[in-house]
Amino acid sequence: MMGITHAAAGALLGAAVAHFTGNNLALCMGVGAVAGLLPDIDSPGSTIGRRVYPVSSMVNLAAGHRGVIHTVWFCLAASLGLAALTPVVGAYAGRYIHLHAWPAAWLVGVLVLLATLAHLALDACTLSGIRPLAPLNVHLRGPVRTGGALEIPVLFAFLLGFFWVGRVF
């Protein structure tokens, strides 16, 4: 899937989490969008990989694209790791951003987990597919070509989801 599709899925999940937790909509959508891109850190040419090219290149050399970074285990580790870093970042950002209903670290952990798992679900729909439970030999793949005609309705569905979330919430 294209980066915009992953970011839209993460942002939509962020909007839903913001509503259900009573937290800052823009912040939750931003965290969700970035987390939706996170598994593609293993591809230097991806949306997120181009922004952190040295890190992305090293990860790609060590793990390859759609390897260990595209697993459920990475999603869990990323959510726990970023949740653990949240209090450090929050000490600086807390005076500018108000998070109230849920503790910030828990909120970030949930958002990162949901958005990275959404990334995996979307990539499982592509022709290349993923191995989400590696080292177990479970390979999920679908009919969608990245950037192809079948991806456009998926992206459109997420965009419609923004309108629906705004209307319902």
C-alpha atoms as a PDB file:
ATOM      1  CA  MET A   1       0.000   0.000   0.000  1.00  0.00           C
ATOM      2  CA  MET A   2       1.020   3.595  -0.514  1.00  0.00           C
ATOM      3  CA  GLY A   3       2.139   5.736   2.393  1.00  0.00           C
ATOM      4  CA  ILE A   4      -0.935   7.941   2.149  1.00  0.00           C
ATOM      5  CA  THR A   5      -3.191   4.913   2.628  1.00  0.00           C
ATOM      6  CA  HIS A   6      -1.263   3.782   5.708  1.00  0.00           C
ATOM      7  CA  ALA A   7      -1.264   7.326   7.132  1.00  0.00           C
ATOM      8  CA  ALA A   8      -4.999   7.735   6.474  1.00  0.00           C
ATOM      9  CA  ALA A   9      -5.782   4.450   8.228  1.00  0.00           C
ATOM     10  CA  GLY A  10      -3.674   5.446  11.242  1.00  0.00           C
ATOM     11  CA  ALA A  11      -5.178   8.931  11.379  1.00  0.00           C
ATOM     12  CA  LEU A  12      -8.708   7.518  11.226  1.00  0.00           C
ATOM     13  CA  LEU A  13      -7.917   5.172  14.114  1.00  0.00           C
ATOM     14  CA  GLY A  14      -6.418   8.152  15.961  1.00  0.00           C
ATOM     15  CA  ALA A  15      -9.637  10.120  15.457  1.00  0.00           C
ATOM     16  CA  ALA A  16     -11.704   7.254  16.855  1.00  0.00           C
ATOM     17  CA  VAL A  17      -9.368   6.831  19.850  1.00  0.00           C
ATOM     18  CA  ALA A  18      -9.488  10.599  20.511  1.00  0.00           C
ATOM     19  CA  HIS A  19     -13.260  10.502  20.560  1.00  0.00           C
ATOM     20  CA  PHE A  20     -13.565   7.475  22.813  1.00  0.00           C
ATOM     21  CA  THR A  21     -10.893   8.693  25.246  1.00  0.00           C
ATOM     22  CA  GLY A  22     -11.760  12.403  25.196  1.00  0.00           C
ATOM     23  CA  ASN A  23      -8.259  13.398  24.143  1.00  0.00           C
ATOM     24  CA  ASN A  24      -6.805  15.921  21.705  1.00  0.00           C
ATOM     25  CA  LEU A  25      -8.068  15.057  18.193  1.00  0.00           C
ATOM     26  CA  ALA A  26      -5.160  16.558  16.252  1.00  0.00           C
ATOM     27  CA  LEU A  27      -2.557  14.909  18.456  1.00  0.00           C
ATOM     28  CA  CYS A  28      -4.208  11.486  18.301  1.00  0.00           C
ATOM     29  CA  MET A  29      -4.618  11.722  14.521  1.00  0.00           C
ATOM     30  CA  GLY A  30      -0.968  12.760  14.155  1.00  0.00           C
ATOM     31  CA  VAL A  31       0.328   9.932  16.329  1.00  0.00           C
ATOM     32  CA  GLY A  32      -1.916   7.491  14.461  1.00  0.00           C
ATOM     33  CA  ALA A  33      -0.768   8.714  11.043  1.00  0.00           C
ATOM     34  CA  VAL A  34       2.935   8.454  11.920  1.00  0.00           C
ATOM     35  CA  ALA A  35       2.447   5.072  13.596  1.00  0.00           C
ATOM     36  CA  GLY A  36       0.584   3.883  10.498  1.00  0.00           C
ATOM     37  CA  LEU A  37       3.751   4.561   8.509  1.00  0.00           C
ATOM     38  CA  LEU A  38       6.151   3.092  11.084  1.00  0.00           C
ATOM     39  CA  PRO A  39       6.485  -0.498   9.764  1.00  0.00           C
ATOM     40  CA  ASP A  40       7.817   0.912   6.477  1.00  0.00           C
ATOM     41  CA  ILE A  41      10.893   2.173   8.331  1.00  0.00           C
ATOM     42  CA  ASP A  42      12.516  -0.896   6.735  1.00  0.00           C
ATOM     43  CA  SER A  43      12.212   0.628   3.255  1.00  0.00           C
ATOM     44  CA  PRO A  44      14.493   3.622   2.519  1.00  0.00           C
ATOM     45  CA  GLY A  45      12.254   4.698  -0.382  1.00  0.00           C
ATOM     46  CA  SER A  46       9.041   4.764   1.669  1.00  0.00           C
ATOM     47  CA  THR A  47       7.308   7.881   2.983  1.00  0.00           C
ATOM     48  CA  ILE A  48       8.838   7.504   6.449  1.00  0.00           C
ATOM     49  CA  GLY A  49      12.071   5.935   5.185  1.00  0.00           C
ATOM     50  CA  ARG A  50      12.964   9.020   3.134  1.00  0.00           C
ATOM     51  CA  ARG A  51      12.622  11.213   6.241  1.00  0.00           C
ATOM     52  CA  VAL A  52      14.933   9.076   8.383  1.00  0.00           C
ATOM     53  CA  TYR A  53      17.054   7.691   5.553  1.00  0.00           C
ATOM     54  CA  PRO A  54      20.147   6.636   7.557  1.00  0.00           C
ATOM     55  CA  VAL A  55      18.043   4.730  10.093  1.00  0.00           C
ATOM     56  CA  SER A  56      15.869   3.240   7.367  1.00  0.00           C
ATOM     57  CA  SER A  57      18.899   2.094   5.374  1.00  0.00           C
ATOM     58  CA  MET A  58      20.404   0.373   8.416  1.00  0.00           C
ATOM     59  CA  VAL A  59      17.107  -1.343   9.259  1.00  0.00           C
ATOM     60  CA  ASN A  60      16.765  -2.459   5.636  1.00  0.00           C
ATOM     61  CA  LEU A  61      20.282  -3.910   5.620  1.00  0.00           C
ATOM     62  CA  ALA A  62      19.650  -5.753   8.883  1.00  0.00           C
ATOM     63  CA  ALA A  63      16.084  -6.972   8.314  1.00  0.00           C
ATOM     64  CA  GLY A  64      15.096  -6.425   4.679  1.00  0.00           C
ATOM     65  CA  HIS A  65      11.724  -5.061   3.585  1.00  0.00           C
ATOM     66  CA  ARG A  66       8.613  -6.733   4.951  1.00  0.00           C
ATOM     67  CA  GLY A  67      10.668  -8.926   7.212  1.00  0.00           C
ATOM     68  CA  VAL A  68      10.735  -8.772  11.003  1.00  0.00           C
ATOM     69  CA  ILE A  69       9.483  -5.156  11.002  1.00  0.00           C
ATOM     70  CA  HIS A  70       6.243  -6.300   9.367  1.00  0.00           C
ATOM     71  CA  THR A  71       5.307  -8.684  12.174  1.00  0.00           C
ATOM     72  CA  VAL A  72       2.926  -8.582  15.094  1.00  0.00           C
ATOM     73  CA  TRP A  73       5.977  -8.829  17.360  1.00  0.00           C
ATOM     74  CA  PHE A  74       7.337  -5.528  16.034  1.00  0.00           C
ATOM     75  CA  CYS A  75       3.937  -3.883  16.535  1.00  0.00           C
ATOM     76  CA  LEU A  76       3.927  -4.968  20.183  1.00  0.00           C
ATOM     77  CA  ALA A  77       7.538  -3.899  20.745  1.00  0.00           C
ATOM     78  CA  ALA A  78       7.014  -0.517  19.053  1.00  0.00           C
ATOM     79  CA  SER A  79       3.880   0.213  21.066  1.00  0.00           C
ATOM     80  CA  LEU A  80       5.545  -0.698  24.362  1.00  0.00           C
ATOM     81  CA  GLY A  81       8.742   1.156  23.497  1.00  0.00           C
ATOM     82  CA  LEU A  82       7.048   4.353  22.371  1.00  0.00           C
ATOM     83  CA  ALA A  83       4.694   4.244  25.349  1.00  0.00           C
ATOM     84  CA  ALA A  84       7.729   4.020  27.613  1.00  0.00           C
ATOM     85  CA  LEU A  85       9.277   7.079  25.913  1.00  0.00           C
ATOM     86  CA  THR A  86       6.068   9.116  26.188  1.00  0.00           C
ATOM     87  CA  PRO A  87       6.689  10.433  29.730  1.00  0.00           C
ATOM     88  CA  VAL A  88      10.095  11.752  28.625  1.00  0.00           C
ATOM     89  CA  VAL A  89       8.626  13.536  25.595  1.00  0.00           C
ATOM     90  CA  GLY A  90       5.551  14.537  27.594  1.00  0.00           C
ATOM     91  CA  ALA A  91       7.660  16.371  30.126  1.00  0.00           C
ATOM     92  CA  TYR A  92       8.531  18.843  27.375  1.00  0.00           C
ATOM     93  CA  ALA A  93       5.323  18.788  25.336  1.00  0.00           C
ATOM     94  CA  GLY A  94       2.903  18.617  28.285  1.00  0.00           C
ATOM     95  CA  ARG A  95       2.763  22.352  28.734  1.00  0.00           C
ATOM     96  CA  TYR A  96       1.593  22.771  25.115  1.00  0.00           C
ATOM     97  CA  ILE A  97      -0.711  19.780  24.629  1.00  0.00           C
ATOM     98  CA  HIS A  98      -3.469  18.806  27.025  1.00  0.00           C
ATOM     99  CA  LEU A  99      -4.134  15.069  27.408  1.00  0.00           C
ATOM    100  CA  HIS A 100      -6.673  14.382  30.089  1.00  0.00           C
ATOM    101  CA  ALA A 101      -8.920  11.332  30.036  1.00  0.00           C
ATOM    102  CA  TRP A 102      -6.283   8.612  29.726  1.00  0.00           C
ATOM    103  CA  PRO A 103      -2.659   8.612  30.839  1.00  0.00           C
ATOM    104  CA  ALA A 104      -0.557   9.739  27.883  1.00  0.00           C
ATOM    105  CA  ALA A 105       1.747   6.685  27.824  1.00  0.00           C
ATOM    106  CA  TRP A 106      -1.187   4.284  27.707  1.00  0.00           C
ATOM    107  CA  LEU A 107      -2.838   6.338  24.972  1.00  0.00           C
ATOM    108  CA  VAL A 108       0.310   6.370  22.821  1.00  0.00           C
ATOM    109  CA  GLY A 109       0.788   2.622  23.309  1.00  0.00           C
ATOM    110  CA  VAL A 110      -2.767   1.884  22.186  1.00  0.00           C
ATOM    111  CA  LEU A 111      -2.535   4.228  19.193  1.00  0.00           C
ATOM    112  CA  VAL A 112       0.785   2.815  18.018  1.00  0.00           C
ATOM    113  CA  LEU A 113      -0.433  -0.758  18.406  1.00  0.00           C
ATOM    114  CA  LEU A 114      -3.663  -0.129  16.491  1.00  0.00           C
ATOM    115  CA  ALA A 115      -2.038   1.869  13.689  1.00  0.00           C
ATOM    116  CA  THR A 116       0.876  -0.529  13.158  1.00  0.00           C
ATOM    117  CA  LEU A 117      -1.498  -3.501  13.111  1.00  0.00           C
ATOM    118  CA  ALA A 118      -3.636  -1.626  10.557  1.00  0.00           C
ATOM    119  CA  HIS A 119      -0.483  -1.221   8.464  1.00  0.00           C
ATOM    120  CA  LEU A 120       0.067  -4.976   8.575  1.00  0.00           C
ATOM    121  CA  ALA A 121      -3.559  -5.643   7.659  1.00  0.00           C
ATOM    122  CA  LEU A 122      -3.303  -3.352   4.647  1.00  0.00           C
ATOM    123  CA  ASP A 123      -0.004  -4.869   3.495  1.00  0.00           C
ATOM    124  CA  ALA A 124      -1.529  -8.339   3.873  1.00  0.00           C
ATOM    125  CA  CYS A 125      -3.968  -7.326   1.133  1.00  0.00           C
ATOM    126  CA  THR A 126      -1.163  -6.716  -1.388  1.00  0.00           C
ATOM    127  CA  LEU A 127       0.268  -9.163  -3.914  1.00  0.00           C
ATOM    128  CA  SER A 128       3.562  -9.390  -1.967  1.00  0.00           C
ATOM    129  CA  GLY A 129       1.788  -9.935   1.317  1.00  0.00           C
ATOM    130  CA  ILE A 130       3.468 -10.304   4.715  1.00  0.00           C
ATOM    131  CA  ARG A 131       4.504 -12.955   7.237  1.00  0.00           C
ATOM    132  CA  PRO A 132       2.929 -11.397  10.349  1.00  0.00           C
ATOM    133  CA  LEU A 133       3.800 -14.223  12.751  1.00  0.00           C
ATOM    134  CA  ALA A 134       7.403 -14.902  11.674  1.00  0.00           C
ATOM    135  CA  PRO A 135       9.186 -17.180  12.348  1.00  0.00           C
ATOM    136  CA  LEU A 136       5.954 -19.160  11.933  1.00  0.00           C
ATOM    137  CA  ASN A 137       5.383 -19.758   8.236  1.00  0.00           C
ATOM    138  CA  VAL A 138       2.072 -17.931   7.866  1.00  0.00           C
ATOM    139  CA  HIS A 139       2.005 -15.863   4.670  1.00  0.00           C
ATOM    140  CA  LEU A 140      -0.947 -13.549   4.083  1.00  0.00           C
ATOM    141  CA  ARG A 141      -1.471 -11.909   0.691  1.00  0.00           C
ATOM    142  CA  GLY A 142      -4.252 -10.502  -1.399  1.00  0.00           C
ATOM    143  CA  PRO A 143      -5.083  -9.103  -4.831  1.00  0.00           C
ATOM    144  CA  VAL A 144      -4.107  -5.442  -4.370  1.00  0.00           C
ATOM    145  CA  ARG A 145      -1.160  -3.971  -6.281  1.00  0.00           C
ATOM    146  CA  THR A 146       0.506  -1.097  -4.396  1.00  0.00           C
ATOM    147  CA  GLY A 147      -0.686   2.123  -6.040  1.00  0.00           C
ATOM    148  CA  GLY A 148      -2.957   0.133  -8.355  1.00  0.00           C
ATOM    149  CA  ALA A 149      -6.618   0.508  -9.178  1.00  0.00           C
ATOM    150  CA  LEU A 150      -7.786  -1.629  -6.233  1.00  0.00           C
ATOM    151  CA  GLU A 151      -5.961   0.566  -3.710  1.00  0.00           C
ATOM    152  CA  ILE A 152      -7.892   3.706  -4.669  1.00  0.00           C
ATOM    153  CA  PRO A 153     -11.222   2.436  -3.235  1.00  0.00           C
ATOM    154  CA  VAL A 154      -9.431   1.482  -0.003  1.00  0.00           C
ATOM    155  CA  LEU A 155      -8.032   5.008   0.347  1.00  0.00           C
ATOM    156  CA  PHE A 156     -11.428   6.468  -0.553  1.00  0.00           C
ATOM    157  CA  ALA A 157     -13.064   4.343   2.168  1.00  0.00           C
ATOM    158  CA  PHE A 158     -10.692   5.813   4.763  1.00  0.00           C
ATOM    159  CA  LEU A 159     -11.439   9.325   3.566  1.00  0.00           C
ATOM    160  CA  LEU A 160     -15.174   8.620   3.837  1.00  0.00           C
ATOM    161  CA  GLY A 161     -14.452   7.281   7.308  1.00  0.00           C
ATOM    162  CA  PHE A 162     -13.187  10.733   8.328  1.00  0.00           C
ATOM    163  CA  PHE A 163     -16.530  12.254   7.345  1.00  0.00           C
ATOM    164  CA  TRP A 164     -18.436   9.505   9.126  1.00  0.00           C
ATOM    165  CA  VAL A 165     -16.349   9.844  12.298  1.00  0.00           C
ATOM    166  CA  GLY A 166     -16.861  13.617  12.243  1.00  0.00           C
ATOM    167  CA  ARG A 167     -20.593  13.239  11.761  1.00  0.00           C
ATOM    168  CA  VAL A 168     -21.146  10.495  14.334  1.00  0.00           C
ATOM    169  CA  PHE A 169     -18.825  11.856  17.009  1.00  0.00           C
END
